[in-house]
Amino acid sequence: MAFTLQEVAVWTTPRGVPQRLVWNGTRCRVTDTPTRLEPDYSALTHPAPSLDGWRFQGSDDTGTTLVFDVRLDPESRVWRLIRVYE
């Protein structure tokens, strides 16, 4: 497992569910049913507005499969990669 706050590109359905992700120049298709992450208030003294987050499995064109945790920054509207699991 690796921790990061890297910016990533995430494509979603109209309902906001991830379908694809580009990380480090590699495109991954979501290959399972994404699970919504609970808001992470650990670094905040006051709860923030809803922080959209998802965990999902993604596979690239070579068949490499990883699990990604991503969150949408509510202010910048940028997706951030929080964790990657092998």
PDB file of N, CA and C in Angstrom:
ATOM      1  N   MET A   1       0.854  -1.172   0.000  1.00  0.00           N
ATOM      2  CA  MET A   1       0.000   0.000   0.000  1.00  0.00           C
ATOM      3  C   MET A   1       0.897   1.232   0.000  1.00  0.00           C
ATOM      4  N   ALA A   2       0.527   2.209  -0.823  1.00  0.00           N
ATOM      5  CA  ALA A   2       1.266   3.461  -0.882  1.00  0.00           C
ATOM      6  C   ALA A   2       0.320   4.619  -0.620  1.00  0.00           C
ATOM      7  N   PHE A   3       0.783   5.598   0.158  1.00  0.00           N
ATOM      8  CA  PHE A   3      -0.008   6.798   0.440  1.00  0.00           C
ATOM      9  C   PHE A   3       0.476   7.921  -0.461  1.00  0.00           C
ATOM     10  N   THR A   4      -0.449   8.726  -0.955  1.00  0.00           N
ATOM     11  CA  THR A   4      -0.118   9.820  -1.858  1.00  0.00           C
ATOM     12  C   THR A   4      -1.221  10.867  -1.818  1.00  0.00           C
ATOM     13  N   LEU A   5      -0.975  12.024  -2.310  1.00  0.00           N
ATOM     14  CA  LEU A   5      -2.008  13.046  -2.522  1.00  0.00           C
ATOM     15  C   LEU A   5      -1.883  13.572  -3.941  1.00  0.00           C
ATOM     16  N   GLN A   6      -1.515  12.681  -4.833  1.00  0.00           N
ATOM     17  CA  GLN A   6      -1.275  13.018  -6.221  1.00  0.00           C
ATOM     18  C   GLN A   6      -2.575  13.357  -6.946  1.00  0.00           C
ATOM     19  N   GLU A   7      -2.508  14.339  -7.838  1.00  0.00           N
ATOM     20  CA  GLU A   7      -3.656  14.661  -8.675  1.00  0.00           C
ATOM     21  C   GLU A   7      -3.789  13.601  -9.761  1.00  0.00           C
ATOM     22  N   VAL A   8      -5.021  13.129  -9.991  1.00  0.00           N
ATOM     23  CA  VAL A   8      -5.292  12.139 -11.027  1.00  0.00           C
ATOM     24  C   VAL A   8      -6.511  12.575 -11.832  1.00  0.00           C
ATOM     25  N   ALA A   9      -6.624  12.045 -13.025  1.00  0.00           N
ATOM     26  CA  ALA A   9      -7.808  12.287 -13.853  1.00  0.00           C
ATOM     27  C   ALA A   9      -8.774  11.122 -13.639  1.00  0.00           C
ATOM     28  N   VAL A  10     -10.020  11.454 -13.310  1.00  0.00           N
ATOM     29  CA  VAL A  10     -11.037  10.430 -13.086  1.00  0.00           C
ATOM     30  C   VAL A  10     -12.257  10.778 -13.938  1.00  0.00           C
ATOM     31  N   TRP A  11     -12.724   9.812 -14.705  1.00  0.00           N
ATOM     32  CA  TRP A  11     -13.956   9.954 -15.467  1.00  0.00           C
ATOM     33  C   TRP A  11     -15.048   9.227 -14.698  1.00  0.00           C
ATOM     34  N   THR A  12     -16.206   9.860 -14.612  1.00  0.00           N
ATOM     35  CA  THR A  12     -17.303   9.292 -13.838  1.00  0.00           C
ATOM     36  C   THR A  12     -18.570   9.196 -14.679  1.00  0.00           C
ATOM     37  N   THR A  13     -19.521   8.425 -14.165  1.00  0.00           N
ATOM     38  CA  THR A  13     -20.854   8.382 -14.748  1.00  0.00           C
ATOM     39  C   THR A  13     -21.548   9.697 -14.401  1.00  0.00           C
ATOM     40  N   PRO A  14     -22.709   9.974 -14.989  1.00  0.00           N
ATOM     41  CA  PRO A  14     -23.456  11.178 -14.616  1.00  0.00           C
ATOM     42  C   PRO A  14     -23.797  11.228 -13.120  1.00  0.00           C
ATOM     43  N   ARG A  15     -23.833  10.084 -12.454  1.00  0.00           N
ATOM     44  CA  ARG A  15     -24.121  10.042 -11.014  1.00  0.00           C
ATOM     45  C   ARG A  15     -22.857  10.174 -10.162  1.00  0.00           C
ATOM     46  N   GLY A  16     -21.675  10.328 -10.819  1.00  0.00           N
ATOM     47  CA  GLY A  16     -20.432  10.551 -10.084  1.00  0.00           C
ATOM     48  C   GLY A  16     -19.649   9.309  -9.724  1.00  0.00           C
ATOM     49  N   VAL A  17     -20.025   8.150 -10.272  1.00  0.00           N
ATOM     50  CA  VAL A  17     -19.330   6.898  -9.972  1.00  0.00           C
ATOM     51  C   VAL A  17     -18.151   6.735 -10.940  1.00  0.00           C
ATOM     52  N   PRO A  18     -16.938   6.473 -10.424  1.00  0.00           N
ATOM     53  CA  PRO A  18     -15.761   6.348 -11.296  1.00  0.00           C
ATOM     54  C   PRO A  18     -15.891   5.228 -12.333  1.00  0.00           C
ATOM     55  N   GLN A  19     -15.401   5.533 -13.559  1.00  0.00           N
ATOM     56  CA  GLN A  19     -15.349   4.555 -14.641  1.00  0.00           C
ATOM     57  C   GLN A  19     -13.927   4.330 -15.139  1.00  0.00           C
ATOM     58  N   ARG A  20     -13.119   5.403 -15.166  1.00  0.00           N
ATOM     59  CA  ARG A  20     -11.735   5.328 -15.630  1.00  0.00           C
ATOM     60  C   ARG A  20     -10.876   6.252 -14.796  1.00  0.00           C
ATOM     61  N   LEU A  21      -9.573   5.965 -14.801  1.00  0.00           N
ATOM     62  CA  LEU A  21      -8.610   6.781 -14.068  1.00  0.00           C
ATOM     63  C   LEU A  21      -7.324   6.811 -14.870  1.00  0.00           C
ATOM     64  N   VAL A  22      -6.661   7.957 -14.904  1.00  0.00           N
ATOM     65  CA  VAL A  22      -5.313   8.048 -15.470  1.00  0.00           C
ATOM     66  C   VAL A  22      -4.388   8.465 -14.351  1.00  0.00           C
ATOM     67  N   TRP A  23      -3.383   7.612 -14.110  1.00  0.00           N
ATOM     68  CA  TRP A  23      -2.414   7.826 -13.039  1.00  0.00           C
ATOM     69  C   TRP A  23      -1.024   7.552 -13.595  1.00  0.00           C
ATOM     70  N   ASN A  24      -0.125   8.502 -13.429  1.00  0.00           N
ATOM     71  CA  ASN A  24       1.250   8.365 -13.930  1.00  0.00           C
ATOM     72  C   ASN A  24       1.277   8.012 -15.414  1.00  0.00           C
ATOM     73  N   GLY A  25       0.355   8.583 -16.182  1.00  0.00           N
ATOM     74  CA  GLY A  25       0.321   8.353 -17.621  1.00  0.00           C
ATOM     75  C   GLY A  25      -0.296   7.033 -18.040  1.00  0.00           C
ATOM     76  N   THR A  26      -0.822   6.273 -17.103  1.00  0.00           N
ATOM     77  CA  THR A  26      -1.424   4.976 -17.406  1.00  0.00           C
ATOM     78  C   THR A  26      -2.926   5.037 -17.190  1.00  0.00           C
ATOM     79  N   ARG A  27      -3.681   4.600 -18.210  1.00  0.00           N
ATOM     80  CA  ARG A  27      -5.139   4.591 -18.123  1.00  0.00           C
ATOM     81  C   ARG A  27      -5.601   3.252 -17.563  1.00  0.00           C
ATOM     82  N   CYS A  28      -6.471   3.324 -16.575  1.00  0.00           N
ATOM     83  CA  CYS A  28      -7.044   2.123 -15.964  1.00  0.00           C
ATOM     84  C   CYS A  28      -8.561   2.184 -16.081  1.00  0.00           C
ATOM     85  N   ARG A  29      -9.152   1.067 -16.447  1.00  0.00           N
ATOM     86  CA  ARG A  29     -10.603   0.942 -16.446  1.00  0.00           C
ATOM     87  C   ARG A  29     -11.035   0.374 -15.109  1.00  0.00           C
ATOM     88  N   VAL A  30     -12.130   0.880 -14.568  1.00  0.00           N
ATOM     89  CA  VAL A  30     -12.675   0.345 -13.318  1.00  0.00           C
ATOM     90  C   VAL A  30     -13.243  -1.034 -13.626  1.00  0.00           C
ATOM     91  N   THR A  31     -12.792  -2.031 -12.866  1.00  0.00           N
ATOM     92  CA  THR A  31     -13.161  -3.421 -13.149  1.00  0.00           C
ATOM     93  C   THR A  31     -13.927  -4.073 -12.010  1.00  0.00           C
ATOM     94  N   ASP A  32     -14.498  -3.265 -11.133  1.00  0.00           N
ATOM     95  CA  ASP A  32     -15.368  -3.784 -10.079  1.00  0.00           C
ATOM     96  C   ASP A  32     -16.417  -2.722  -9.778  1.00  0.00           C
ATOM     97  N   THR A  33     -17.203  -2.932  -8.751  1.00  0.00           N
ATOM     98  CA  THR A  33     -18.191  -1.935  -8.338  1.00  0.00           C
ATOM     99  C   THR A  33     -17.548  -1.014  -7.312  1.00  0.00           C
ATOM    100  N   PRO A  34     -17.364   0.273  -7.641  1.00  0.00           N
ATOM    101  CA  PRO A  34     -16.742   1.198  -6.697  1.00  0.00           C
ATOM    102  C   PRO A  34     -17.530   1.297  -5.390  1.00  0.00           C
ATOM    103  N   THR A  35     -16.783   1.476  -4.303  1.00  0.00           N
ATOM    104  CA  THR A  35     -17.359   1.625  -2.971  1.00  0.00           C
ATOM    105  C   THR A  35     -17.111   3.049  -2.503  1.00  0.00           C
ATOM    106  N   ARG A  36     -18.163   3.707  -2.036  1.00  0.00           N
ATOM    107  CA  ARG A  36     -18.013   5.076  -1.543  1.00  0.00           C
ATOM    108  C   ARG A  36     -17.217   5.060  -0.240  1.00  0.00           C
ATOM    109  N   LEU A  37     -16.234   5.968  -0.135  1.00  0.00           N
ATOM    110  CA  LEU A  37     -15.449   6.114   1.088  1.00  0.00           C
ATOM    111  C   LEU A  37     -16.164   7.068   2.036  1.00  0.00           C
ATOM    112  N   GLU A  38     -16.013   6.818   3.302  1.00  0.00           N
ATOM    113  CA  GLU A  38     -16.551   7.730   4.320  1.00  0.00           C
ATOM    114  C   GLU A  38     -15.721   9.012   4.303  1.00  0.00           C
ATOM    115  N   PRO A  39     -16.314  10.151   4.650  1.00  0.00           N
ATOM    116  CA  PRO A  39     -15.526  11.394   4.734  1.00  0.00           C
ATOM    117  C   PRO A  39     -14.370  11.241   5.717  1.00  0.00           C
ATOM    118  N   ASP A  40     -13.233  11.836   5.388  1.00  0.00           N
ATOM    119  CA  ASP A  40     -12.047  11.780   6.241  1.00  0.00           C
ATOM    120  C   ASP A  40     -11.884  13.126   6.936  1.00  0.00           C
ATOM    121  N   TYR A  41     -12.247  13.162   8.217  1.00  0.00           N
ATOM    122  CA  TYR A  41     -12.149  14.388   8.983  1.00  0.00           C
ATOM    123  C   TYR A  41     -10.935  14.392   9.908  1.00  0.00           C
ATOM    124  N   SER A  42     -10.033  13.438   9.739  1.00  0.00           N
ATOM    125  CA  SER A  42      -8.935  13.280  10.688  1.00  0.00           C
ATOM    126  C   SER A  42      -8.031  14.503  10.789  1.00  0.00           C
ATOM    127  N   ALA A  43      -7.882  15.261   9.708  1.00  0.00           N
ATOM    128  CA  ALA A  43      -6.978  16.418   9.733  1.00  0.00           C
ATOM    129  C   ALA A  43      -7.723  17.732   9.929  1.00  0.00           C
ATOM    130  N   LEU A  44      -9.007  17.649  10.200  1.00  0.00           N
ATOM    131  CA  LEU A  44      -9.801  18.867  10.310  1.00  0.00           C
ATOM    132  C   LEU A  44     -10.274  19.088  11.739  1.00  0.00           C
ATOM    133  N   THR A  45     -10.353  20.335  12.132  1.00  0.00           N
ATOM    134  CA  THR A  45     -10.913  20.643  13.446  1.00  0.00           C
ATOM    135  C   THR A  45     -12.412  20.871  13.367  1.00  0.00           C
ATOM    136  N   HIS A  46     -12.898  21.194  12.162  1.00  0.00           N
ATOM    137  CA  HIS A  46     -14.326  21.372  11.933  1.00  0.00           C
ATOM    138  C   HIS A  46     -14.707  20.554  10.707  1.00  0.00           C
ATOM    139  N   PRO A  47     -15.806  19.822  10.759  1.00  0.00           N
ATOM    140  CA  PRO A  47     -16.200  19.027   9.584  1.00  0.00           C
ATOM    141  C   PRO A  47     -16.357  19.898   8.346  1.00  0.00           C
ATOM    142  N   ALA A  48     -15.872  19.377   7.236  1.00  0.00           N
ATOM    143  CA  ALA A  48     -15.972  20.059   5.949  1.00  0.00           C
ATOM    144  C   ALA A  48     -17.230  19.596   5.229  1.00  0.00           C
ATOM    145  N   PRO A  49     -17.566  20.267   4.141  1.00  0.00           N
ATOM    146  CA  PRO A  49     -18.669  19.757   3.337  1.00  0.00           C
ATOM    147  C   PRO A  49     -18.323  18.367   2.821  1.00  0.00           C
ATOM    148  N   SER A  50     -19.288  17.692   2.299  1.00  0.00           N
ATOM    149  CA  SER A  50     -19.107  16.328   1.816  1.00  0.00           C
ATOM    150  C   SER A  50     -17.851  16.197   0.956  1.00  0.00           C
ATOM    151  N   LEU A  51     -17.030  15.238   1.269  1.00  0.00           N
ATOM    152  CA  LEU A  51     -15.835  14.950   0.493  1.00  0.00           C
ATOM    153  C   LEU A  51     -16.088  13.656  -0.266  1.00  0.00           C
ATOM    154  N   ASP A  52     -16.331  13.761  -1.570  1.00  0.00           N
ATOM    155  CA  ASP A  52     -16.610  12.575  -2.359  1.00  0.00           C
ATOM    156  C   ASP A  52     -15.366  11.724  -2.450  1.00  0.00           C
ATOM    157  N   GLY A  53     -15.500  10.453  -2.135  1.00  0.00           N
ATOM    158  CA  GLY A  53     -14.380   9.542  -2.222  1.00  0.00           C
ATOM    159  C   GLY A  53     -14.843   8.156  -2.614  1.00  0.00           C
ATOM    160  N   TRP A  54     -13.957   7.449  -3.306  1.00  0.00           N
ATOM    161  CA  TRP A  54     -14.271   6.119  -3.798  1.00  0.00           C
ATOM    162  C   TRP A  54     -13.075   5.186  -3.660  1.00  0.00           C
ATOM    163  N   ARG A  55     -13.363   3.901  -3.491  1.00  0.00           N
ATOM    164  CA  ARG A  55     -12.361   2.834  -3.596  1.00  0.00           C
ATOM    165  C   ARG A  55     -12.824   1.932  -4.727  1.00  0.00           C
ATOM    166  N   PHE A  56     -11.886   1.622  -5.625  1.00  0.00           N
ATOM    167  CA  PHE A  56     -12.241   0.742  -6.735  1.00  0.00           C
ATOM    168  C   PHE A  56     -10.998   0.036  -7.269  1.00  0.00           C
ATOM    169  N   GLN A  57     -11.251  -1.063  -7.940  1.00  0.00           N
ATOM    170  CA  GLN A  57     -10.200  -1.816  -8.613  1.00  0.00           C
ATOM    171  C   GLN A  57     -10.102  -1.310 -10.040  1.00  0.00           C
ATOM    172  N   GLY A  58      -8.874  -1.107 -10.506  1.00  0.00           N
ATOM    173  CA  GLY A  58      -8.659  -0.662 -11.876  1.00  0.00           C
ATOM    174  C   GLY A  58      -7.597  -1.503 -12.549  1.00  0.00           C
ATOM    175  N   SER A  59      -7.809  -1.786 -13.839  1.00  0.00           N
ATOM    176  CA  SER A  59      -6.852  -2.587 -14.615  1.00  0.00           C
ATOM    177  C   SER A  59      -6.404  -1.793 -15.832  1.00  0.00           C
ATOM    178  N   ASP A  60      -5.094  -1.871 -16.119  1.00  0.00           N
ATOM    179  CA  ASP A  60      -4.581  -1.192 -17.305  1.00  0.00           C
ATOM    180  C   ASP A  60      -4.600  -2.158 -18.493  1.00  0.00           C
ATOM    181  N   ASP A  61      -4.121  -1.703 -19.651  1.00  0.00           N
ATOM    182  CA  ASP A  61      -4.168  -2.513 -20.869  1.00  0.00           C
ATOM    183  C   ASP A  61      -3.249  -3.723 -20.831  1.00  0.00           C
ATOM    184  N   THR A  62      -2.279  -3.747 -19.906  1.00  0.00           N
ATOM    185  CA  THR A  62      -1.385  -4.899 -19.796  1.00  0.00           C
ATOM    186  C   THR A  62      -1.930  -5.951 -18.835  1.00  0.00           C
ATOM    187  N   GLY A  63      -3.039  -5.638 -18.159  1.00  0.00           N
ATOM    188  CA  GLY A  63      -3.628  -6.578 -17.206  1.00  0.00           C
ATOM    189  C   GLY A  63      -3.219  -6.343 -15.769  1.00  0.00           C
ATOM    190  N   THR A  64      -2.357  -5.353 -15.537  1.00  0.00           N
ATOM    191  CA  THR A  64      -1.986  -5.019 -14.163  1.00  0.00           C
ATOM    192  C   THR A  64      -3.207  -4.442 -13.454  1.00  0.00           C
ATOM    193  N   THR A  65      -3.494  -4.968 -12.263  1.00  0.00           N
ATOM    194  CA  THR A  65      -4.667  -4.544 -11.511  1.00  0.00           C
ATOM    195  C   THR A  65      -4.249  -4.018 -10.150  1.00  0.00           C
ATOM    196  N   LEU A  66      -4.764  -2.846  -9.795  1.00  0.00           N
ATOM    197  CA  LEU A  66      -4.504  -2.216  -8.504  1.00  0.00           C
ATOM    198  C   LEU A  66      -5.830  -1.755  -7.915  1.00  0.00           C
ATOM    199  N   VAL A  67      -5.815  -1.436  -6.626  1.00  0.00           N
ATOM    200  CA  VAL A  67      -6.976  -0.851  -5.965  1.00  0.00           C
ATOM    201  C   VAL A  67      -6.618   0.585  -5.630  1.00  0.00           C
ATOM    202  N   PHE A  68      -7.524   1.506  -5.956  1.00  0.00           N
ATOM    203  CA  PHE A  68      -7.296   2.933  -5.790  1.00  0.00           C
ATOM    204  C   PHE A  68      -8.299   3.526  -4.811  1.00  0.00           C
ATOM    205  N   ASP A  69      -7.837   4.416  -3.943  1.00  0.00           N
ATOM    206  CA  ASP A  69      -8.698   5.278  -3.136  1.00  0.00           C
ATOM    207  C   ASP A  69      -8.519   6.691  -3.670  1.00  0.00           C
ATOM    208  N   VAL A  70      -9.613   7.325  -4.084  1.00  0.00           N
ATOM    209  CA  VAL A  70      -9.558   8.681  -4.609  1.00  0.00           C
ATOM    210  C   VAL A  70     -10.583   9.546  -3.891  1.00  0.00           C
ATOM    211  N   ARG A  71     -10.279  10.833  -3.809  1.00  0.00           N
ATOM    212  CA  ARG A  71     -11.214  11.804  -3.226  1.00  0.00           C
ATOM    213  C   ARG A  71     -11.251  13.037  -4.121  1.00  0.00           C
ATOM    214  N   LEU A  72     -12.433  13.623  -4.239  1.00  0.00           N
ATOM    215  CA  LEU A  72     -12.608  14.853  -4.992  1.00  0.00           C
ATOM    216  C   LEU A  72     -12.483  16.021  -4.032  1.00  0.00           C
ATOM    217  N   ASP A  73     -11.493  16.890  -4.278  1.00  0.00           N
ATOM    218  CA  ASP A  73     -11.305  18.077  -3.452  1.00  0.00           C
ATOM    219  C   ASP A  73     -12.493  19.008  -3.689  1.00  0.00           C
ATOM    220  N   PRO A  74     -13.254  19.348  -2.643  1.00  0.00           N
ATOM    221  CA  PRO A  74     -14.477  20.134  -2.836  1.00  0.00           C
ATOM    222  C   PRO A  74     -14.238  21.569  -3.304  1.00  0.00           C
ATOM    223  N   GLU A  75     -13.079  22.124  -3.025  1.00  0.00           N
ATOM    224  CA  GLU A  75     -12.811  23.505  -3.428  1.00  0.00           C
ATOM    225  C   GLU A  75     -12.250  23.592  -4.842  1.00  0.00           C
ATOM    226  N   SER A  76     -11.233  22.792  -5.132  1.00  0.00           N
ATOM    227  CA  SER A  76     -10.594  22.870  -6.450  1.00  0.00           C
ATOM    228  C   SER A  76     -11.278  21.980  -7.480  1.00  0.00           C
ATOM    229  N   ARG A  77     -12.123  21.040  -7.019  1.00  0.00           N
ATOM    230  CA  ARG A  77     -12.798  20.070  -7.884  1.00  0.00           C
ATOM    231  C   ARG A  77     -11.789  19.202  -8.626  1.00  0.00           C
ATOM    232  N   VAL A  78     -10.654  18.924  -7.974  1.00  0.00           N
ATOM    233  CA  VAL A  78      -9.593  18.076  -8.513  1.00  0.00           C
ATOM    234  C   VAL A  78      -9.628  16.745  -7.774  1.00  0.00           C
ATOM    235  N   TRP A  79      -9.518  15.654  -8.527  1.00  0.00           N
ATOM    236  CA  TRP A  79      -9.438  14.332  -7.912  1.00  0.00           C
ATOM    237  C   TRP A  79      -8.026  14.113  -7.381  1.00  0.00           C
ATOM    238  N   ARG A  80      -7.931  13.568  -6.179  1.00  0.00           N
ATOM    239  CA  ARG A  80      -6.640  13.256  -5.557  1.00  0.00           C
ATOM    240  C   ARG A  80      -6.579  11.765  -5.254  1.00  0.00           C
ATOM    241  N   LEU A  81      -5.457  11.175  -5.618  1.00  0.00           N
ATOM    242  CA  LEU A  81      -5.214   9.785  -5.294  1.00  0.00           C
ATOM    243  C   LEU A  81      -4.708   9.728  -3.858  1.00  0.00           C
ATOM    244  N   ILE A  82      -5.402   9.002  -2.999  1.00  0.00           N
ATOM    245  CA  ILE A  82      -5.048   8.932  -1.588  1.00  0.00           C
ATOM    246  C   ILE A  82      -4.197   7.707  -1.292  1.00  0.00           C
ATOM    247  N   ARG A  83      -4.607   6.549  -1.829  1.00  0.00           N
ATOM    248  CA  ARG A  83      -3.882   5.300  -1.577  1.00  0.00           C
ATOM    249  C   ARG A  83      -3.945   4.421  -2.830  1.00  0.00           C
ATOM    250  N   VAL A  84      -2.911   3.581  -2.968  1.00  0.00           N
ATOM    251  CA  VAL A  84      -2.872   2.555  -4.018  1.00  0.00           C
ATOM    252  C   VAL A  84      -2.505   1.252  -3.332  1.00  0.00           C
ATOM    253  N   TYR A  85      -3.256   0.202  -3.630  1.00  0.00           N
ATOM    254  CA  TYR A  85      -2.999  -1.127  -3.072  1.00  0.00           C
ATOM    255  C   TYR A  85      -2.681  -2.084  -4.200  1.00  0.00           C
ATOM    256  N   GLU A  86      -1.694  -2.961  -3.979  1.00  0.00           N
ATOM    257  CA  GLU A  86      -1.369  -3.986  -4.982  1.00  0.00           C
ATOM    258  C   GLU A  86      -2.231  -5.196  -4.777  1.00  0.00           C
TER     259      GLU A  86
END
